[in-house]
Amino acid sequence: MARAGEALRFAGPLLRAQVAEAWRQALPQLVGVRRFDLAQVPAIDSAGIALLAELAARAGETVAVDGPPPEYAALCAAYRLGPALAFVT
């Protein structure tokens, strides 16, 4: 994971086994983030979606998501998350 301007770039799968380490890496880089770049994320599961949603909430800004993996849309729909990873009623 790396910071590039207002983007936080994730690399590798965002699966349950990787979420704790991704959290530790992302949290100190979160201030000023407005985009999550997932172009290098080949797979994501519900734990990865939960990670992104919590990071987006803590960012304090509306966060856009670029280059999500194929499972992303279905998981967001299942958990009723909108484009900015916030719960939608």
PDB file of N, CA and C in Angstrom:
ATOM      1  N   MET A   1       0.845  -1.166   0.000  1.00  0.00           N
ATOM      2  CA  MET A   1       0.000   0.000   0.000  1.00  0.00           C
ATOM      3  C   MET A   1       0.894   1.232   0.000  1.00  0.00           C
ATOM      4  N   ALA A   2       0.469   2.242  -0.743  1.00  0.00           N
ATOM      5  CA  ALA A   2       1.260   3.463  -0.836  1.00  0.00           C
ATOM      6  C   ALA A   2       0.346   4.658  -1.016  1.00  0.00           C
ATOM      7  N   ARG A   3       0.781   5.776  -0.549  1.00  0.00           N
ATOM      8  CA  ARG A   3       0.058   7.023  -0.712  1.00  0.00           C
ATOM      9  C   ARG A   3       0.575   7.722  -1.950  1.00  0.00           C
ATOM     10  N   ALA A   4      -0.335   8.225  -2.774  1.00  0.00           N
ATOM     11  CA  ALA A   4       0.029   8.990  -3.968  1.00  0.00           C
ATOM     12  C   ALA A   4      -0.892  10.194  -4.033  1.00  0.00           C
ATOM     13  N   GLY A   5      -0.447  11.316  -3.532  1.00  0.00           N
ATOM     14  CA  GLY A   5      -1.297  12.505  -3.482  1.00  0.00           C
ATOM     15  C   GLY A   5      -2.506  12.249  -2.602  1.00  0.00           C
ATOM     16  N   GLU A   6      -3.697  12.427  -3.161  1.00  0.00           N
ATOM     17  CA  GLU A   6      -4.937  12.198  -2.407  1.00  0.00           C
ATOM     18  C   GLU A   6      -5.420  10.759  -2.500  1.00  0.00           C
ATOM     19  N   ALA A   7      -4.629   9.895  -3.121  1.00  0.00           N
ATOM     20  CA  ALA A   7      -5.024   8.491  -3.308  1.00  0.00           C
ATOM     21  C   ALA A   7      -4.245   7.570  -2.378  1.00  0.00           C
ATOM     22  N   LEU A   8      -4.951   6.574  -1.896  1.00  0.00           N
ATOM     23  CA  LEU A   8      -4.323   5.485  -1.168  1.00  0.00           C
ATOM     24  C   LEU A   8      -4.386   4.279  -2.099  1.00  0.00           C
ATOM     25  N   ARG A   9      -3.219   3.809  -2.522  1.00  0.00           N
ATOM     26  CA  ARG A   9      -3.143   2.721  -3.501  1.00  0.00           C
ATOM     27  C   ARG A   9      -2.932   1.392  -2.786  1.00  0.00           C
ATOM     28  N   PHE A  10      -3.880   0.507  -2.995  1.00  0.00           N
ATOM     29  CA  PHE A  10      -3.808  -0.828  -2.419  1.00  0.00           C
ATOM     30  C   PHE A  10      -3.225  -1.774  -3.450  1.00  0.00           C
ATOM     31  N   ALA A  11      -2.491  -2.780  -2.987  1.00  0.00           N
ATOM     32  CA  ALA A  11      -1.918  -3.789  -3.885  1.00  0.00           C
ATOM     33  C   ALA A  11      -2.064  -5.154  -3.228  1.00  0.00           C
ATOM     34  N   GLY A  12      -2.439  -6.124  -4.025  1.00  0.00           N
ATOM     35  CA  GLY A  12      -2.644  -7.468  -3.509  1.00  0.00           C
ATOM     36  C   GLY A  12      -4.084  -7.662  -3.075  1.00  0.00           C
ATOM     37  N   PRO A  13      -4.439  -8.888  -2.739  1.00  0.00           N
ATOM     38  CA  PRO A  13      -5.820  -9.172  -2.363  1.00  0.00           C
ATOM     39  C   PRO A  13      -6.208  -8.491  -1.051  1.00  0.00           C
ATOM     40  N   LEU A  14      -7.466  -8.099  -0.953  1.00  0.00           N
ATOM     41  CA  LEU A  14      -8.015  -7.569   0.296  1.00  0.00           C
ATOM     42  C   LEU A  14      -8.997  -8.608   0.826  1.00  0.00           C
ATOM     43  N   LEU A  15      -8.416  -9.649   1.386  1.00  0.00           N
ATOM     44  CA  LEU A  15      -9.173 -10.761   1.943  1.00  0.00           C
ATOM     45  C   LEU A  15      -8.965 -10.792   3.448  1.00  0.00           C
ATOM     46  N   ARG A  16      -9.783 -11.548   4.131  1.00  0.00           N
ATOM     47  CA  ARG A  16      -9.752 -11.589   5.596  1.00  0.00           C
ATOM     48  C   ARG A  16      -8.338 -11.724   6.147  1.00  0.00           C
ATOM     49  N   ALA A  17      -7.531 -12.553   5.549  1.00  0.00           N
ATOM     50  CA  ALA A  17      -6.171 -12.789   6.046  1.00  0.00           C
ATOM     51  C   ALA A  17      -5.271 -11.557   5.937  1.00  0.00           C
ATOM     52  N   GLN A  18      -5.579 -10.644   5.022  1.00  0.00           N
ATOM     53  CA  GLN A  18      -4.739  -9.469   4.813  1.00  0.00           C
ATOM     54  C   GLN A  18      -5.278  -8.199   5.478  1.00  0.00           C
ATOM     55  N   VAL A  19      -6.497  -8.241   5.981  1.00  0.00           N
ATOM     56  CA  VAL A  19      -7.154  -7.020   6.446  1.00  0.00           C
ATOM     57  C   VAL A  19      -6.449  -6.382   7.632  1.00  0.00           C
ATOM     58  N   ALA A  20      -6.022  -7.151   8.613  1.00  0.00           N
ATOM     59  CA  ALA A  20      -5.376  -6.562   9.796  1.00  0.00           C
ATOM     60  C   ALA A  20      -4.107  -5.794   9.407  1.00  0.00           C
ATOM     61  N   GLU A  21      -3.299  -6.377   8.547  1.00  0.00           N
ATOM     62  CA  GLU A  21      -2.077  -5.689   8.112  1.00  0.00           C
ATOM     63  C   GLU A  21      -2.411  -4.468   7.262  1.00  0.00           C
ATOM     64  N   ALA A  22      -3.401  -4.581   6.395  1.00  0.00           N
ATOM     65  CA  ALA A  22      -3.811  -3.439   5.571  1.00  0.00           C
ATOM     66  C   ALA A  22      -4.301  -2.296   6.461  1.00  0.00           C
ATOM     67  N   TRP A  23      -5.025  -2.626   7.517  1.00  0.00           N
ATOM     68  CA  TRP A  23      -5.508  -1.614   8.464  1.00  0.00           C
ATOM     69  C   TRP A  23      -4.325  -0.883   9.100  1.00  0.00           C
ATOM     70  N   ARG A  24      -3.347  -1.643   9.570  1.00  0.00           N
ATOM     71  CA  ARG A  24      -2.166  -1.028  10.207  1.00  0.00           C
ATOM     72  C   ARG A  24      -1.418  -0.109   9.238  1.00  0.00           C
ATOM     73  N   GLN A  25      -1.347  -0.502   7.979  1.00  0.00           N
ATOM     74  CA  GLN A  25      -0.643   0.319   6.996  1.00  0.00           C
ATOM     75  C   GLN A  25      -1.449   1.542   6.584  1.00  0.00           C
ATOM     76  N   ALA A  26      -2.749   1.395   6.461  1.00  0.00           N
ATOM     77  CA  ALA A  26      -3.588   2.472   5.929  1.00  0.00           C
ATOM     78  C   ALA A  26      -3.850   3.584   6.938  1.00  0.00           C
ATOM     79  N   LEU A  27      -4.090   3.233   8.178  1.00  0.00           N
ATOM     80  CA  LEU A  27      -4.526   4.213   9.165  1.00  0.00           C
ATOM     81  C   LEU A  27      -3.613   5.434   9.272  1.00  0.00           C
ATOM     82  N   PRO A  28      -2.294   5.277   9.363  1.00  0.00           N
ATOM     83  CA  PRO A  28      -1.451   6.469   9.470  1.00  0.00           C
ATOM     84  C   PRO A  28      -1.384   7.306   8.191  1.00  0.00           C
ATOM     85  N   GLN A  29      -1.840   6.759   7.080  1.00  0.00           N
ATOM     86  CA  GLN A  29      -1.772   7.476   5.800  1.00  0.00           C
ATOM     87  C   GLN A  29      -3.113   8.099   5.409  1.00  0.00           C
ATOM     88  N   LEU A  30      -4.102   8.016   6.254  1.00  0.00           N
ATOM     89  CA  LEU A  30      -5.481   8.315   5.887  1.00  0.00           C
ATOM     90  C   LEU A  30      -5.814   9.800   5.774  1.00  0.00           C
ATOM     91  N   VAL A  31      -5.142  10.657   6.494  1.00  0.00           N
ATOM     92  CA  VAL A  31      -5.470  12.081   6.479  1.00  0.00           C
ATOM     93  C   VAL A  31      -5.330  12.645   5.063  1.00  0.00           C
ATOM     94  N   GLY A  32      -6.391  13.249   4.568  1.00  0.00           N
ATOM     95  CA  GLY A  32      -6.369  13.868   3.251  1.00  0.00           C
ATOM     96  C   GLY A  32      -6.669  12.937   2.090  1.00  0.00           C
ATOM     97  N   VAL A  33      -6.940  11.662   2.370  1.00  0.00           N
ATOM     98  CA  VAL A  33      -7.249  10.704   1.299  1.00  0.00           C
ATOM     99  C   VAL A  33      -8.645  10.980   0.750  1.00  0.00           C
ATOM    100  N   ARG A  34      -8.753  11.016  -0.573  1.00  0.00           N
ATOM    101  CA  ARG A  34     -10.041  11.218  -1.240  1.00  0.00           C
ATOM    102  C   ARG A  34     -10.336  10.127  -2.253  1.00  0.00           C
ATOM    103  N   ARG A  35      -9.364   9.234  -2.484  1.00  0.00           N
ATOM    104  CA  ARG A  35      -9.554   8.140  -3.441  1.00  0.00           C
ATOM    105  C   ARG A  35      -8.870   6.889  -2.922  1.00  0.00           C
ATOM    106  N   PHE A  36      -9.523   5.757  -3.148  1.00  0.00           N
ATOM    107  CA  PHE A  36      -8.892   4.463  -2.938  1.00  0.00           C
ATOM    108  C   PHE A  36      -8.635   3.897  -4.325  1.00  0.00           C
ATOM    109  N   ASP A  37      -7.391   3.615  -4.638  1.00  0.00           N
ATOM    110  CA  ASP A  37      -7.014   3.031  -5.922  1.00  0.00           C
ATOM    111  C   ASP A  37      -6.884   1.525  -5.722  1.00  0.00           C
ATOM    112  N   LEU A  38      -7.820   0.774  -6.315  1.00  0.00           N
ATOM    113  CA  LEU A  38      -7.842  -0.679  -6.166  1.00  0.00           C
ATOM    114  C   LEU A  38      -7.413  -1.395  -7.440  1.00  0.00           C
ATOM    115  N   ALA A  39      -6.793  -0.694  -8.353  1.00  0.00           N
ATOM    116  CA  ALA A  39      -6.415  -1.281  -9.638  1.00  0.00           C
ATOM    117  C   ALA A  39      -5.481  -2.485  -9.483  1.00  0.00           C
ATOM    118  N   GLN A  40      -4.718  -2.542  -8.419  1.00  0.00           N
ATOM    119  CA  GLN A  40      -3.786  -3.655  -8.192  1.00  0.00           C
ATOM    120  C   GLN A  40      -4.329  -4.662  -7.180  1.00  0.00           C
ATOM    121  N   VAL A  41      -5.640  -4.615  -6.937  1.00  0.00           N
ATOM    122  CA  VAL A  41      -6.285  -5.557  -6.014  1.00  0.00           C
ATOM    123  C   VAL A  41      -7.005  -6.612  -6.848  1.00  0.00           C
ATOM    124  N   PRO A  42      -6.485  -7.833  -6.884  1.00  0.00           N
ATOM    125  CA  PRO A  42      -7.095  -8.861  -7.724  1.00  0.00           C
ATOM    126  C   PRO A  42      -8.357  -9.481  -7.135  1.00  0.00           C
ATOM    127  N   ALA A  43      -8.529  -9.397  -5.811  1.00  0.00           N
ATOM    128  CA  ALA A  43      -9.688 -10.019  -5.164  1.00  0.00           C
ATOM    129  C   ALA A  43     -10.008  -9.285  -3.871  1.00  0.00           C
ATOM    130  N   ILE A  44     -11.296  -9.298  -3.537  1.00  0.00           N
ATOM    131  CA  ILE A  44     -11.758  -8.679  -2.299  1.00  0.00           C
ATOM    132  C   ILE A  44     -12.897  -9.523  -1.752  1.00  0.00           C
ATOM    133  N   ASP A  45     -13.003  -9.587  -0.414  1.00  0.00           N
ATOM    134  CA  ASP A  45     -14.111 -10.289   0.208  1.00  0.00           C
ATOM    135  C   ASP A  45     -14.822  -9.341   1.169  1.00  0.00           C
ATOM    136  N   SER A  46     -15.747  -9.865   1.943  1.00  0.00           N
ATOM    137  CA  SER A  46     -16.533  -8.998   2.827  1.00  0.00           C
ATOM    138  C   SER A  46     -15.658  -8.293   3.861  1.00  0.00           C
ATOM    139  N   ALA A  47     -14.602  -8.939   4.309  1.00  0.00           N
ATOM    140  CA  ALA A  47     -13.688  -8.288   5.258  1.00  0.00           C
ATOM    141  C   ALA A  47     -12.971  -7.114   4.597  1.00  0.00           C
ATOM    142  N   GLY A  48     -12.604  -7.269   3.343  1.00  0.00           N
ATOM    143  CA  GLY A  48     -11.975  -6.172   2.604  1.00  0.00           C
ATOM    144  C   GLY A  48     -12.926  -5.012   2.392  1.00  0.00           C
ATOM    145  N   ILE A  49     -14.187  -5.317   2.097  1.00  0.00           N
ATOM    146  CA  ILE A  49     -15.197  -4.263   1.944  1.00  0.00           C
ATOM    147  C   ILE A  49     -15.396  -3.533   3.269  1.00  0.00           C
ATOM    148  N   ALA A  50     -15.447  -4.287   4.358  1.00  0.00           N
ATOM    149  CA  ALA A  50     -15.600  -3.666   5.684  1.00  0.00           C
ATOM    150  C   ALA A  50     -14.412  -2.758   5.990  1.00  0.00           C
ATOM    151  N   LEU A  51     -13.212  -3.204   5.642  1.00  0.00           N
ATOM    152  CA  LEU A  51     -12.016  -2.382   5.827  1.00  0.00           C
ATOM    153  C   LEU A  51     -12.144  -1.069   5.069  1.00  0.00           C
ATOM    154  N   LEU A  52     -12.484  -1.150   3.786  1.00  0.00           N
ATOM    155  CA  LEU A  52     -12.599   0.063   2.972  1.00  0.00           C
ATOM    156  C   LEU A  52     -13.690   0.984   3.495  1.00  0.00           C
ATOM    157  N   ALA A  53     -14.823   0.422   3.904  1.00  0.00           N
ATOM    158  CA  ALA A  53     -15.924   1.242   4.417  1.00  0.00           C
ATOM    159  C   ALA A  53     -15.509   1.977   5.691  1.00  0.00           C
ATOM    160  N   GLU A  54     -14.816   1.293   6.577  1.00  0.00           N
ATOM    161  CA  GLU A  54     -14.373   1.938   7.814  1.00  0.00           C
ATOM    162  C   GLU A  54     -13.305   2.992   7.536  1.00  0.00           C
ATOM    163  N   LEU A  55     -12.385   2.695   6.646  1.00  0.00           N
ATOM    164  CA  LEU A  55     -11.376   3.693   6.284  1.00  0.00           C
ATOM    165  C   LEU A  55     -12.028   4.912   5.642  1.00  0.00           C
ATOM    166  N   ALA A  56     -13.011   4.688   4.777  1.00  0.00           N
ATOM    167  CA  ALA A  56     -13.711   5.806   4.138  1.00  0.00           C
ATOM    168  C   ALA A  56     -14.418   6.659   5.187  1.00  0.00           C
ATOM    169  N   ALA A  57     -15.044   6.026   6.156  1.00  0.00           N
ATOM    170  CA  ALA A  57     -15.733   6.767   7.215  1.00  0.00           C
ATOM    171  C   ALA A  57     -14.745   7.587   8.038  1.00  0.00           C
ATOM    172  N   ARG A  58     -13.590   7.032   8.307  1.00  0.00           N
ATOM    173  CA  ARG A  58     -12.577   7.743   9.100  1.00  0.00           C
ATOM    174  C   ARG A  58     -11.851   8.825   8.314  1.00  0.00           C
ATOM    175  N   ALA A  59     -11.861   8.727   7.001  1.00  0.00           N
ATOM    176  CA  ALA A  59     -11.164   9.719   6.178  1.00  0.00           C
ATOM    177  C   ALA A  59     -11.772  11.106   6.341  1.00  0.00           C
ATOM    178  N   GLY A  60     -13.052  11.167   6.672  1.00  0.00           N
ATOM    179  CA  GLY A  60     -13.694  12.460   6.884  1.00  0.00           C
ATOM    180  C   GLY A  60     -14.018  13.194   5.600  1.00  0.00           C
ATOM    181  N   GLU A  61     -13.770  12.579   4.489  1.00  0.00           N
ATOM    182  CA  GLU A  61     -14.048  13.147   3.171  1.00  0.00           C
ATOM    183  C   GLU A  61     -14.843  12.114   2.390  1.00  0.00           C
ATOM    184  N   THR A  62     -15.471  12.534   1.313  1.00  0.00           N
ATOM    185  CA  THR A  62     -16.069  11.567   0.411  1.00  0.00           C
ATOM    186  C   THR A  62     -14.946  10.896  -0.352  1.00  0.00           C
ATOM    187  N   VAL A  63     -14.912   9.593  -0.292  1.00  0.00           N
ATOM    188  CA  VAL A  63     -13.833   8.836  -0.920  1.00  0.00           C
ATOM    189  C   VAL A  63     -14.359   8.145  -2.172  1.00  0.00           C
ATOM    190  N   ALA A  64     -13.684   8.351  -3.278  1.00  0.00           N
ATOM    191  CA  ALA A  64     -14.015   7.671  -4.531  1.00  0.00           C
ATOM    192  C   ALA A  64     -13.178   6.400  -4.617  1.00  0.00           C
ATOM    193  N   VAL A  65     -13.692   5.427  -5.354  1.00  0.00           N
ATOM    194  CA  VAL A  65     -12.983   4.157  -5.528  1.00  0.00           C
ATOM    195  C   VAL A  65     -12.673   3.984  -7.004  1.00  0.00           C
ATOM    196  N   ASP A  66     -11.407   3.782  -7.308  1.00  0.00           N
ATOM    197  CA  ASP A  66     -10.958   3.577  -8.691  1.00  0.00           C
ATOM    198  C   ASP A  66     -10.493   2.145  -8.884  1.00  0.00           C
ATOM    199  N   GLY A  67     -10.854   1.545 -10.013  1.00  0.00           N
ATOM    200  CA  GLY A  67     -10.344   0.236 -10.413  1.00  0.00           C
ATOM    201  C   GLY A  67     -10.694  -0.919  -9.505  1.00  0.00           C
ATOM    202  N   PRO A  68     -11.943  -1.027  -9.041  1.00  0.00           N
ATOM    203  CA  PRO A  68     -12.274  -2.118  -8.124  1.00  0.00           C
ATOM    204  C   PRO A  68     -12.242  -3.484  -8.810  1.00  0.00           C
ATOM    205  N   PRO A  69     -11.963  -4.545  -8.030  1.00  0.00           N
ATOM    206  CA  PRO A  69     -11.980  -5.896  -8.595  1.00  0.00           C
ATOM    207  C   PRO A  69     -13.423  -6.335  -8.890  1.00  0.00           C
ATOM    208  N   PRO A  70     -13.594  -7.407  -9.651  1.00  0.00           N
ATOM    209  CA  PRO A  70     -14.926  -7.830 -10.087  1.00  0.00           C
ATOM    210  C   PRO A  70     -15.945  -8.053  -8.962  1.00  0.00           C
ATOM    211  N   GLU A  71     -15.524  -8.581  -7.822  1.00  0.00           N
ATOM    212  CA  GLU A  71     -16.458  -8.879  -6.731  1.00  0.00           C
ATOM    213  C   GLU A  71     -16.972  -7.637  -6.012  1.00  0.00           C
ATOM    214  N   TYR A  72     -16.316  -6.535  -6.204  1.00  0.00           N
ATOM    215  CA  TYR A  72     -16.584  -5.314  -5.452  1.00  0.00           C
ATOM    216  C   TYR A  72     -18.045  -4.865  -5.554  1.00  0.00           C
ATOM    217  N   ALA A  73     -18.571  -4.770  -6.751  1.00  0.00           N
ATOM    218  CA  ALA A  73     -19.934  -4.262  -6.934  1.00  0.00           C
ATOM    219  C   ALA A  73     -20.964  -5.143  -6.239  1.00  0.00           C
ATOM    220  N   ALA A  74     -20.830  -6.451  -6.368  1.00  0.00           N
ATOM    221  CA  ALA A  74     -21.786  -7.366  -5.736  1.00  0.00           C
ATOM    222  C   ALA A  74     -21.711  -7.281  -4.214  1.00  0.00           C
ATOM    223  N   LEU A  75     -20.504  -7.157  -3.677  1.00  0.00           N
ATOM    224  CA  LEU A  75     -20.362  -7.036  -2.220  1.00  0.00           C
ATOM    225  C   LEU A  75     -20.944  -5.719  -1.717  1.00  0.00           C
ATOM    226  N   CYS A  76     -20.704  -4.643  -2.436  1.00  0.00           N
ATOM    227  CA  CYS A  76     -21.284  -3.356  -2.031  1.00  0.00           C
ATOM    228  C   CYS A  76     -22.807  -3.427  -2.063  1.00  0.00           C
ATOM    229  N   ALA A  77     -23.345  -4.045  -3.077  1.00  0.00           N
ATOM    230  CA  ALA A  77     -24.800  -4.193  -3.175  1.00  0.00           C
ATOM    231  C   ALA A  77     -25.331  -5.046  -2.024  1.00  0.00           C
ATOM    232  N   ALA A  78     -24.660  -6.126  -1.706  1.00  0.00           N
ATOM    233  CA  ALA A  78     -25.096  -7.009  -0.626  1.00  0.00           C
ATOM    234  C   ALA A  78     -25.108  -6.298   0.722  1.00  0.00           C
ATOM    235  N   TYR A  79     -24.156  -5.418   0.932  1.00  0.00           N
ATOM    236  CA  TYR A  79     -24.060  -4.694   2.202  1.00  0.00           C
ATOM    237  C   TYR A  79     -24.684  -3.300   2.141  1.00  0.00           C
ATOM    238  N   ARG A  80     -25.344  -3.018   1.034  1.00  0.00           N
ATOM    239  CA  ARG A  80     -26.056  -1.742   0.815  1.00  0.00           C
ATOM    240  C   ARG A  80     -25.144  -0.532   1.009  1.00  0.00           C
ATOM    241  N   LEU A  81     -23.995  -0.599   0.350  1.00  0.00           N
ATOM    242  CA  LEU A  81     -23.037   0.506   0.398  1.00  0.00           C
ATOM    243  C   LEU A  81     -23.100   1.264  -0.916  1.00  0.00           C
ATOM    244  N   GLY A  82     -23.108   2.596  -0.810  1.00  0.00           N
ATOM    245  CA  GLY A  82     -23.133   3.441  -1.985  1.00  0.00           C
ATOM    246  C   GLY A  82     -21.736   3.640  -2.556  1.00  0.00           C
ATOM    247  N   PRO A  83     -21.617   4.494  -3.571  1.00  0.00           N
ATOM    248  CA  PRO A  83     -20.330   4.723  -4.229  1.00  0.00           C
ATOM    249  C   PRO A  83     -19.219   5.212  -3.293  1.00  0.00           C
ATOM    250  N   ALA A  84     -19.594   5.928  -2.240  1.00  0.00           N
ATOM    251  CA  ALA A  84     -18.581   6.428  -1.293  1.00  0.00           C
ATOM    252  C   ALA A  84     -18.404   5.484  -0.110  1.00  0.00           C
ATOM    253  N   LEU A  85     -18.908   4.239  -0.244  1.00  0.00           N
ATOM    254  CA  LEU A  85     -18.782   3.200   0.780  1.00  0.00           C
ATOM    255  C   LEU A  85     -19.542   3.511   2.061  1.00  0.00           C
ATOM    256  N   ALA A  86     -20.579   4.316   1.971  1.00  0.00           N
ATOM    257  CA  ALA A  86     -21.444   4.606   3.107  1.00  0.00           C
ATOM    258  C   ALA A  86     -22.728   3.810   2.953  1.00  0.00           C
ATOM    259  N   PHE A  87     -23.317   3.440   4.069  1.00  0.00           N
ATOM    260  CA  PHE A  87     -24.558   2.675   4.077  1.00  0.00           C
ATOM    261  C   PHE A  87     -25.665   3.500   3.433  1.00  0.00           C
ATOM    262  N   VAL A  88     -26.420   2.863   2.541  1.00  0.00           N
ATOM    263  CA  VAL A  88     -27.520   3.514   1.849  1.00  0.00           C
ATOM    264  C   VAL A  88     -28.806   2.814   2.254  1.00  0.00           C
ATOM    265  N   THR A  89     -29.799   3.580   2.647  1.00  0.00           N
ATOM    266  CA  THR A  89     -31.075   2.965   3.038  1.00  0.00           C
ATOM    267  C   THR A  89     -31.987   2.754   1.863  1.00  0.00           C
TER     268      THR A  89
END
